[in-house]
Amino acid sequence: MAESGHAGPRRVVITGLGVVSSIGMGVEEFRRGLRAGSSGAKPITVFDVAGFDHANGCEVEDFDPGRWIRHLAAERLGRATQYSVAAARMAIEDAGVSIADWRSQPGLISIGTTDGESRDLDHLVEAEIAHGPEHMPPELARRVPAGRLSAAIAQELQLSDVEAVTIPTACAAGNYALGYGYDAVRSGDAEYALCGGADAMCRKTFAGFYRLGTIAPDRCRPFDVDRKGILTGEGAGVLVLESLESALARGARIYAEVLGYGLTCDAYHQVAPNQDSVGRCMRLALENAGVKADQVDLISAHGTGTKANDVTEARAIREVFGSRPPRTISMKSMIGHTMGAASALSAIGCALAITEKFIPPTINHTTTDPECDVDCVPNVAIEAELKVVQNNGLAFGGNNAVVLLGRYDGVPA
């Protein structure tokens, strides 16, 4: 990448948002869905659910890849890559930037994922079992490499002076991708970054969570005393990051400023979260952002709706923030667990909450579990002035990532 010509670290802001989700396509539909407390939950149709006692999920409906993918052949891209490319196109258009102006500048594309193109892997395995390996469709095999989630964005937008990376840190991958982009723009290694996450629903992941006993029978109810687990979801979220100086120079709308982030990888357990590591990750994020705990106005929790996650995360939050932590919500109650897209979509929700001055609700909520003891803003969004918002992403294997976003108040670069 190009050497930085800047004297010191640059401030990094979010100027564009792209969304593919079960409650809305594009940033405006997503914003309306969050405000309304919409639910994406419905019976799964994208794979055969025979043999499962219950099979609700949060599918993306009415997605037309041809609307957003204009230079590549959409049928040669797996579903997750289609989501990724579409969200990137949306984010660029939302940012109001001329992509031609950025083609001559060094940039970064970082996309997080859990499953890559596992939906295509599902189909390949089905073909192998039914007809033998010689009948596995080669066009599906060509779509499988996870690196295509980021590389296809570069190809579609015709960006050549970019580093394109796909980050596979499971359900925290979107936040990892944001942190990577923040560092690149802040240091001057990149003039812009397209960051986020993408995943498509697949039988493999649904069956895995089902066997763990963590799939809810109907709804995702984070922090509720009667919660039963997750609903798998799908989609993509991509954010445009650029320096504050760049955004001001082109008169861009600024959704929020990226203040900093923290990462931990404790490798404590394959699936169980570790409270000490989660708390440490939040402290590292606060330290990196130069923010004190009492300055955080809202936490967008990982909030999966499983017994283990919600209690562990809530205890870690109280450990860091004290007995009266900030309001703590879970967008997964609305959009399900979108795997590698989860913390990216949540970050977009946080940016919108700051800009639009509201807190999205945790829906499907009846009674808060006393072991969680957080104000999860049950069922109905509320108006709020938010200056600093924390976005949590916690993943299997102890891969944790926390990002801090702040309101931009017009202070010059």
Protein backbone atom coordinates (compact mmCIF):
# COMPACT_ATOMS: atom_id res chain seq x y z
CA MET A 1 0.00 0.00 0.00
CA ALA A 2 1.01 3.63 -0.42
CA GLU A 3 3.08 5.31 2.23
CA SER A 4 1.20 7.71 4.43
CA GLY A 5 1.91 11.37 3.76
CA HIS A 6 0.18 12.41 6.97
CA ALA A 7 1.91 13.65 10.08
CA GLY A 8 -0.16 11.67 12.56
CA PRO A 9 -3.20 9.43 12.98
CA ARG A 10 -6.28 10.61 11.15
CA ARG A 11 -9.83 10.65 12.45
CA VAL A 12 -12.03 8.09 10.71
CA VAL A 13 -15.70 8.56 9.93
CA ILE A 14 -18.53 6.52 8.41
CA THR A 15 -20.05 8.15 5.34
CA GLY A 16 -21.93 5.35 3.58
CA LEU A 17 -24.05 2.36 4.59
CA GLY A 18 -25.22 -0.64 2.58
CA VAL A 19 -27.67 -3.23 3.90
CA VAL A 20 -29.08 -6.55 2.79
CA SER A 21 -31.29 -7.87 5.61
CA SER A 22 -34.47 -9.73 6.42
CA ILE A 23 -36.15 -6.51 7.62
CA GLY A 24 -35.13 -4.23 4.79
CA MET A 25 -33.04 -3.75 1.69
CA GLY A 26 -30.91 -0.62 1.77
CA VAL A 27 -30.23 1.77 4.59
CA GLU A 28 -33.62 3.53 4.62
CA GLU A 29 -35.64 0.31 4.78
CA PHE A 30 -33.31 -1.00 7.47
CA ARG A 31 -33.67 2.19 9.51
CA ARG A 32 -37.46 1.99 9.30
CA GLY A 33 -37.37 -1.67 10.28
CA LEU A 34 -35.22 -0.96 13.33
CA ARG A 35 -37.45 1.92 14.45
CA ALA A 36 -40.59 -0.17 14.00
CA GLY A 37 -39.18 -3.21 15.78
CA SER A 38 -39.79 -5.35 12.71
CA SER A 39 -39.19 -9.09 12.75
CA GLY A 40 -37.57 -11.06 9.95
CA ALA A 41 -38.57 -14.42 11.45
CA LYS A 42 -40.45 -16.83 9.20
CA PRO A 43 -40.36 -20.52 8.20
CA ILE A 44 -37.13 -21.40 6.40
CA THR A 45 -37.50 -22.05 2.67
CA VAL A 46 -33.92 -21.85 1.33
CA PHE A 47 -33.10 -25.46 2.22
CA ASP A 48 -34.96 -28.66 3.04
CA VAL A 49 -36.03 -28.60 6.70
CA ALA A 50 -37.48 -32.13 6.77
CA GLY A 51 -36.54 -33.89 9.99
CA PHE A 52 -36.21 -30.77 12.14
CA ASP A 53 -38.88 -30.25 14.80
CA HIS A 54 -38.79 -26.49 14.23
CA ALA A 55 -37.18 -24.43 11.51
CA ASN A 56 -37.78 -20.70 11.65
CA GLY A 57 -35.12 -18.29 10.43
CA CYS A 58 -34.59 -14.77 9.15
CA GLU A 59 -34.32 -15.07 5.37
CA VAL A 60 -33.73 -12.26 2.92
CA GLU A 61 -36.70 -11.91 0.58
CA ASP A 62 -37.08 -10.14 -2.77
CA PHE A 63 -33.35 -9.83 -3.36
CA ASP A 64 -32.61 -9.06 -7.00
CA PRO A 65 -28.83 -9.26 -7.51
CA GLY A 66 -29.14 -7.73 -10.97
CA ARG A 67 -30.24 -4.44 -9.47
CA TRP A 68 -26.87 -3.99 -7.78
CA ILE A 69 -24.41 -6.21 -9.65
CA ARG A 70 -23.77 -4.55 -12.98
CA HIS A 71 -20.34 -5.64 -14.21
CA LEU A 72 -20.05 -9.23 -12.99
CA ALA A 73 -22.25 -12.16 -13.94
CA ALA A 74 -24.39 -12.58 -10.84
CA GLU A 75 -24.98 -16.29 -11.52
CA ARG A 76 -21.24 -16.91 -11.18
CA LEU A 77 -21.30 -15.57 -7.62
CA GLY A 78 -22.44 -17.47 -4.56
CA ARG A 79 -25.31 -16.03 -2.56
CA ALA A 80 -23.13 -14.56 0.20
CA THR A 81 -20.89 -12.92 -2.39
CA GLN A 82 -23.95 -11.48 -4.12
CA TYR A 83 -25.05 -10.00 -0.79
CA SER A 84 -21.56 -8.63 -0.16
CA VAL A 85 -21.25 -6.97 -3.57
CA ALA A 86 -24.78 -5.55 -3.41
CA ALA A 87 -24.23 -4.04 0.05
CA ALA A 88 -20.94 -2.51 -1.11
CA ARG A 89 -22.64 -0.93 -4.14
CA MET A 90 -25.38 0.43 -1.87
CA ALA A 91 -22.82 1.84 0.57
CA ILE A 92 -20.87 3.62 -2.18
CA GLU A 93 -24.05 5.15 -3.59
CA ASP A 94 -25.21 6.14 -0.10
CA ALA A 95 -21.86 7.83 0.50
CA GLY A 96 -22.40 9.97 -2.60
CA VAL A 97 -18.86 9.40 -3.78
CA SER A 98 -17.75 9.09 -7.36
CA ILE A 99 -16.19 5.66 -7.48
CA ALA A 100 -14.06 6.86 -10.41
CA ASP A 101 -12.37 9.34 -8.05
CA TRP A 102 -11.39 6.52 -5.69
CA ARG A 103 -10.01 4.23 -8.39
CA SER A 104 -6.78 6.20 -8.42
CA GLN A 105 -6.37 6.09 -4.64
CA PRO A 106 -5.24 3.24 -2.37
CA GLY A 107 -8.10 1.55 -0.60
CA LEU A 108 -9.10 -1.45 1.50
CA ILE A 109 -11.93 -3.94 1.26
CA SER A 110 -12.41 -6.07 4.38
CA ILE A 111 -15.38 -8.41 4.65
CA GLY A 112 -16.02 -10.75 7.57
CA THR A 113 -17.78 -14.08 7.31
CA THR A 114 -18.60 -17.23 9.24
CA ASP A 115 -19.61 -19.58 6.46
CA GLY A 116 -18.29 -18.10 3.23
CA GLU A 117 -20.24 -19.90 0.51
CA SER A 118 -21.43 -22.85 2.60
CA ARG A 119 -24.78 -22.83 0.83
CA ASP A 120 -22.93 -23.92 -2.31
CA LEU A 121 -21.02 -26.48 -0.25
CA ASP A 122 -24.38 -27.86 0.89
CA HIS A 123 -25.39 -28.37 -2.75
CA LEU A 124 -22.05 -29.92 -3.67
CA VAL A 125 -22.31 -32.46 -0.84
CA GLU A 126 -25.91 -33.27 -1.81
CA ALA A 127 -24.79 -33.92 -5.40
CA GLU A 128 -21.87 -36.08 -4.25
CA ILE A 129 -24.07 -38.20 -1.98
CA ALA A 130 -26.82 -38.61 -4.55
CA HIS A 131 -24.80 -39.12 -7.72
CA GLY A 132 -21.09 -39.43 -6.86
CA PRO A 133 -18.25 -36.90 -6.86
CA GLU A 134 -17.97 -36.88 -10.65
CA HIS A 135 -21.40 -35.23 -10.77
CA MET A 136 -20.58 -32.34 -8.44
CA PRO A 137 -21.40 -29.16 -10.43
CA PRO A 138 -18.14 -27.41 -11.37
CA GLU A 139 -19.86 -24.01 -11.50
CA LEU A 140 -20.70 -24.36 -7.79
CA ALA A 141 -17.16 -25.43 -6.93
CA ARG A 142 -15.82 -22.30 -8.61
CA ARG A 143 -18.06 -20.12 -6.42
CA VAL A 144 -16.94 -21.59 -3.09
CA PRO A 145 -13.67 -19.75 -2.18
CA ALA A 146 -14.47 -17.32 0.65
CA GLY A 147 -11.97 -14.79 -0.66
CA ARG A 148 -14.49 -13.94 -3.35
CA LEU A 149 -16.63 -12.07 -0.80
CA SER A 150 -14.12 -9.21 -0.88
CA ALA A 151 -12.43 -9.78 -4.26
CA ALA A 152 -15.75 -9.63 -6.10
CA ILE A 153 -16.39 -6.15 -4.66
CA ALA A 154 -13.10 -4.95 -6.12
CA GLN A 155 -13.96 -6.54 -9.46
CA GLU A 156 -17.51 -5.18 -9.54
CA LEU A 157 -16.44 -1.64 -8.62
CA GLN A 158 -13.32 -1.90 -10.82
CA LEU A 159 -10.98 -1.01 -7.97
CA SER A 160 -7.40 -2.12 -8.63
CA ASP A 161 -5.31 -0.29 -6.01
CA VAL A 162 -6.90 -2.12 -3.09
CA GLU A 163 -6.13 -4.80 -0.56
CA ALA A 164 -9.10 -7.18 -0.52
CA VAL A 165 -9.30 -9.44 2.53
CA THR A 166 -11.95 -11.80 3.85
CA ILE A 167 -11.83 -12.19 7.63
CA PRO A 168 -13.14 -15.52 8.95
CA THR A 169 -13.51 -14.83 12.68
CA ALA A 170 -17.04 -16.21 12.80
CA CYS A 171 -19.74 -14.14 14.46
CA ALA A 172 -17.43 -11.26 15.41
CA ALA A 173 -15.97 -10.99 11.89
CA GLY A 174 -17.85 -7.81 10.94
CA ASN A 175 -16.30 -5.92 13.84
CA TYR A 176 -12.88 -7.38 13.03
CA ALA A 177 -13.28 -6.07 9.48
CA LEU A 178 -14.25 -2.63 10.78
CA GLY A 179 -11.20 -2.53 13.05
CA TYR A 180 -8.97 -3.49 10.14
CA GLY A 181 -10.42 -0.73 8.00
CA TYR A 182 -10.18 1.81 10.81
CA ASP A 183 -6.47 1.12 11.25
CA ALA A 184 -5.79 1.39 7.51
CA VAL A 185 -7.55 4.72 7.07
CA ARG A 186 -6.34 6.15 10.37
CA SER A 187 -2.70 5.43 9.49
CA GLY A 188 -3.02 6.74 5.93
CA ASP A 189 -2.29 3.34 4.39
CA ALA A 190 -5.71 3.58 2.72
CA GLU A 191 -7.74 6.60 1.66
CA TYR A 192 -10.99 4.71 2.06
CA ALA A 193 -12.21 1.35 3.29
CA LEU A 194 -15.27 -0.76 2.49
CA CYS A 195 -15.81 -2.85 5.61
CA GLY A 196 -18.47 -5.22 6.83
CA GLY A 197 -19.66 -8.80 6.77
CA ALA A 198 -21.79 -11.20 4.74
CA ASP A 199 -23.30 -14.65 5.08
CA ALA A 200 -26.10 -16.64 3.44
CA MET A 201 -28.25 -19.14 5.31
CA CYS A 202 -27.17 -22.74 4.86
CA ARG A 203 -28.26 -26.14 6.11
CA LYS A 204 -24.83 -26.92 7.57
CA THR A 205 -24.88 -24.04 10.05
CA PHE A 206 -28.54 -24.43 10.94
CA ALA A 207 -28.03 -28.15 11.62
CA GLY A 208 -24.95 -27.44 13.73
CA PHE A 209 -26.74 -24.97 15.99
CA TYR A 210 -29.76 -27.28 16.08
CA ARG A 211 -27.61 -30.18 17.30
CA LEU A 212 -26.20 -27.88 20.00
CA GLY A 213 -29.77 -27.26 21.17
CA THR A 214 -29.52 -23.52 20.56
CA ILE A 215 -32.14 -22.98 17.82
CA ALA A 216 -35.25 -21.24 19.15
CA PRO A 217 -38.55 -22.87 18.14
CA ASP A 218 -40.19 -19.66 16.95
CA ARG A 219 -38.64 -16.33 18.01
CA CYS A 220 -35.33 -14.96 19.28
CA ARG A 221 -35.85 -13.42 22.72
CA PRO A 222 -32.54 -12.02 24.03
CA PHE A 223 -32.27 -11.34 27.76
CA ASP A 224 -35.78 -12.72 28.37
CA VAL A 225 -36.25 -15.22 31.17
CA ASP A 226 -37.96 -17.59 28.71
CA ARG A 227 -35.44 -17.28 25.86
CA LYS A 228 -34.83 -20.48 23.92
CA GLY A 229 -31.92 -19.64 21.62
CA ILE A 230 -31.04 -18.13 18.26
CA LEU A 231 -32.67 -17.93 14.88
CA THR A 232 -30.19 -18.20 12.04
CA GLY A 233 -30.31 -15.30 9.62
CA GLU A 234 -28.53 -13.96 6.57
CA GLY A 235 -27.56 -10.76 4.81
CA ALA A 236 -24.73 -8.27 4.53
CA GLY A 237 -23.70 -4.93 5.92
CA VAL A 238 -21.00 -2.75 4.39
CA LEU A 239 -19.78 0.61 5.72
CA VAL A 240 -17.73 3.25 3.90
CA LEU A 241 -14.88 4.55 6.06
CA GLU A 242 -12.77 7.56 5.14
CA SER A 243 -10.78 10.22 6.92
CA LEU A 244 -12.64 13.13 8.46
CA GLU A 245 -10.54 15.44 6.31
CA SER A 246 -11.69 13.65 3.14
CA ALA A 247 -15.33 13.64 4.20
CA LEU A 248 -15.32 17.36 4.99
CA ALA A 249 -13.53 18.21 1.75
CA ARG A 250 -16.24 16.58 -0.35
CA GLY A 251 -19.15 17.70 1.83
CA ALA A 252 -20.12 14.18 2.77
CA ARG A 253 -22.84 13.26 5.26
CA ILE A 254 -21.19 11.79 8.36
CA TYR A 255 -23.14 9.10 10.19
CA ALA A 256 -20.66 8.59 13.01
CA GLU A 257 -16.99 8.60 13.91
CA VAL A 258 -15.11 5.37 14.57
CA LEU A 259 -13.46 5.99 17.93
CA GLY A 260 -11.60 2.71 18.42
CA TYR A 261 -11.92 -1.00 18.99
CA GLY A 262 -10.68 -3.92 21.06
CA LEU A 263 -9.96 -7.57 20.25
CA THR A 264 -9.41 -10.67 22.37
CA CYS A 265 -8.98 -14.31 21.45
CA ASP A 266 -9.06 -16.45 24.58
CA ALA A 267 -9.52 -19.91 22.99
CA TYR A 268 -11.26 -20.82 26.26
CA HIS A 269 -13.88 -23.08 24.71
CA GLN A 270 -15.19 -23.94 21.25
CA VAL A 271 -18.62 -22.45 21.88
CA ALA A 272 -18.91 -21.13 25.45
CA PRO A 273 -18.10 -17.43 26.03
CA ASN A 274 -15.59 -16.46 28.71
CA GLN A 275 -16.69 -13.60 30.95
CA ASP A 276 -13.20 -12.36 31.78
CA SER A 277 -12.20 -12.24 28.12
CA VAL A 278 -15.40 -10.44 27.10
CA GLY A 279 -14.85 -7.87 29.84
CA ARG A 280 -11.22 -7.43 28.84
CA CYS A 281 -12.23 -6.87 25.22
CA MET A 282 -14.62 -4.09 26.24
CA ARG A 283 -11.93 -2.44 28.37
CA LEU A 284 -9.44 -2.60 25.52
CA ALA A 285 -11.97 -0.95 23.21
CA LEU A 286 -12.66 1.83 25.70
CA GLU A 287 -8.94 2.41 26.18
CA ASN A 288 -8.24 2.39 22.45
CA ALA A 289 -11.07 4.87 21.85
CA GLY A 290 -10.07 7.14 24.73
CA VAL A 291 -13.56 6.75 26.19
CA LYS A 292 -14.52 6.28 29.83
CA ALA A 293 -17.16 3.74 30.74
CA ASP A 294 -19.57 6.39 32.00
CA GLN A 295 -19.47 8.13 28.61
CA VAL A 296 -21.09 5.20 26.77
CA ASP A 297 -24.79 5.84 26.15
CA LEU A 298 -25.81 2.55 24.56
CA ILE A 299 -24.48 -0.98 24.08
CA SER A 300 -25.54 -3.02 21.09
CA ALA A 301 -24.96 -6.44 22.57
CA HIS A 302 -24.02 -9.65 20.83
CA GLY A 303 -27.27 -10.78 22.48
CA THR A 304 -27.90 -14.12 20.80
CA GLY A 305 -30.80 -15.23 22.98
CA THR A 306 -29.02 -18.32 24.30
CA LYS A 307 -28.86 -19.00 28.02
CA ALA A 308 -25.05 -18.99 28.13
CA ASN A 309 -24.34 -15.94 25.98
CA ASP A 310 -26.83 -13.52 27.45
CA VAL A 311 -25.92 -14.15 31.09
CA THR A 312 -22.16 -14.16 30.43
CA GLU A 313 -22.30 -10.99 28.33
CA ALA A 314 -24.54 -9.18 30.80
CA ARG A 315 -22.24 -10.08 33.70
CA ALA A 316 -19.22 -8.87 31.75
CA ILE A 317 -21.02 -5.60 31.00
CA ARG A 318 -21.79 -5.03 34.68
CA GLU A 319 -18.19 -5.92 35.52
CA VAL A 320 -16.99 -3.12 33.23
CA PHE A 321 -19.78 -0.55 33.61
CA GLY A 322 -20.93 -1.15 37.17
CA SER A 323 -24.34 -1.91 38.61
CA ARG A 324 -26.14 0.56 36.32
CA PRO A 325 -24.80 -0.08 32.82
CA PRO A 326 -26.01 1.73 29.69
CA ARG A 327 -29.11 0.51 27.95
CA THR A 328 -28.20 -2.79 26.29
CA ILE A 329 -30.12 -3.99 23.25
CA SER A 330 -30.00 -6.89 20.81
CA MET A 331 -30.79 -6.35 17.13
CA LYS A 332 -30.69 -10.13 16.68
CA SER A 333 -34.21 -10.17 18.12
CA MET A 334 -35.25 -8.59 14.79
CA ILE A 335 -32.83 -9.90 12.14
CA GLY A 336 -31.71 -13.16 13.70
CA HIS A 337 -28.09 -14.22 13.94
CA THR A 338 -26.59 -13.26 10.58
CA MET A 339 -23.24 -14.85 11.48
CA GLY A 340 -20.35 -12.92 9.89
CA ALA A 341 -22.70 -10.07 8.99
CA ALA A 342 -24.00 -9.73 12.55
CA SER A 343 -21.70 -7.10 14.04
CA ALA A 344 -21.51 -5.22 10.71
CA LEU A 345 -25.29 -4.88 10.55
CA SER A 346 -25.29 -3.97 14.22
CA ALA A 347 -22.65 -1.30 13.59
CA ILE A 348 -24.88 0.14 10.88
CA GLY A 349 -27.75 0.14 13.37
CA CYS A 350 -25.54 1.94 15.87
CA ALA A 351 -24.55 4.59 13.31
CA LEU A 352 -28.22 5.13 12.45
CA ALA A 353 -29.15 5.32 16.12
CA ILE A 354 -26.59 8.09 16.63
CA THR A 355 -27.65 10.03 13.53
CA GLU A 356 -31.41 9.56 13.88
CA LYS A 357 -31.44 9.91 17.69
CA PHE A 358 -33.24 6.73 18.65
CA ILE A 359 -32.56 3.40 20.33
CA PRO A 360 -33.79 0.29 18.48
CA PRO A 361 -35.75 -2.11 20.67
CA THR A 362 -35.15 -5.68 21.74
CA ILE A 363 -38.37 -7.26 20.49
CA ASN A 364 -40.20 -10.43 21.59
CA HIS A 365 -39.51 -9.41 25.18
CA THR A 366 -41.76 -10.20 28.12
CA THR A 367 -39.73 -10.49 31.33
CA THR A 368 -36.04 -9.72 31.75
CA ASP A 369 -34.00 -12.57 33.23
CA PRO A 370 -32.80 -11.37 36.67
CA GLU A 371 -29.40 -12.91 35.87
CA CYS A 372 -29.10 -10.51 32.93
CA ASP A 373 -30.48 -7.40 34.65
CA VAL A 374 -30.14 -4.93 31.77
CA ASP A 375 -32.50 -2.36 30.31
CA CYS A 376 -32.91 -3.93 26.88
CA VAL A 377 -35.45 -1.34 25.65
CA PRO A 378 -38.20 -3.94 25.29
CA ASN A 379 -40.36 -4.05 22.17
CA VAL A 380 -40.62 -0.32 21.34
CA ALA A 381 -37.90 2.05 20.11
CA ILE A 382 -37.26 5.16 22.17
CA GLU A 383 -35.91 8.60 21.27
CA ALA A 384 -32.46 9.34 22.67
CA GLU A 385 -29.47 11.64 22.22
CA LEU A 386 -26.51 9.33 21.79
CA LYS A 387 -22.91 10.51 21.82
CA VAL A 388 -21.06 7.20 22.22
CA VAL A 389 -22.32 3.73 21.31
CA GLN A 390 -20.56 0.40 21.88
CA ASN A 391 -21.02 -2.51 19.48
CA ASN A 392 -20.21 -6.01 20.79
CA GLY A 393 -19.30 -9.01 18.66
CA LEU A 394 -18.55 -12.32 20.39
CA ALA A 395 -17.67 -15.47 18.47
CA PHE A 396 -16.97 -19.15 18.89
CA GLY A 397 -13.42 -19.95 19.95
CA GLY A 398 -13.26 -16.80 22.05
CA ASN A 399 -12.87 -14.42 19.09
CA ASN A 400 -14.26 -11.19 20.53
CA ALA A 401 -14.37 -7.74 18.93
CA VAL A 402 -15.84 -4.52 20.32
CA VAL A 403 -16.12 -1.27 18.34
CA LEU A 404 -16.87 2.22 19.70
CA LEU A 405 -18.71 4.75 17.54
CA GLY A 406 -19.25 8.40 18.41
CA ARG A 407 -21.38 11.29 17.21
CA TYR A 408 -19.55 13.79 15.04
CA ASP A 409 -20.29 17.24 16.39
CA GLY A 410 -18.64 19.33 13.72
CA VAL A 411 -15.24 19.62 15.36
CA PRO A 412 -12.70 20.17 12.53
CA ALA A 413 -10.18 17.55 11.52
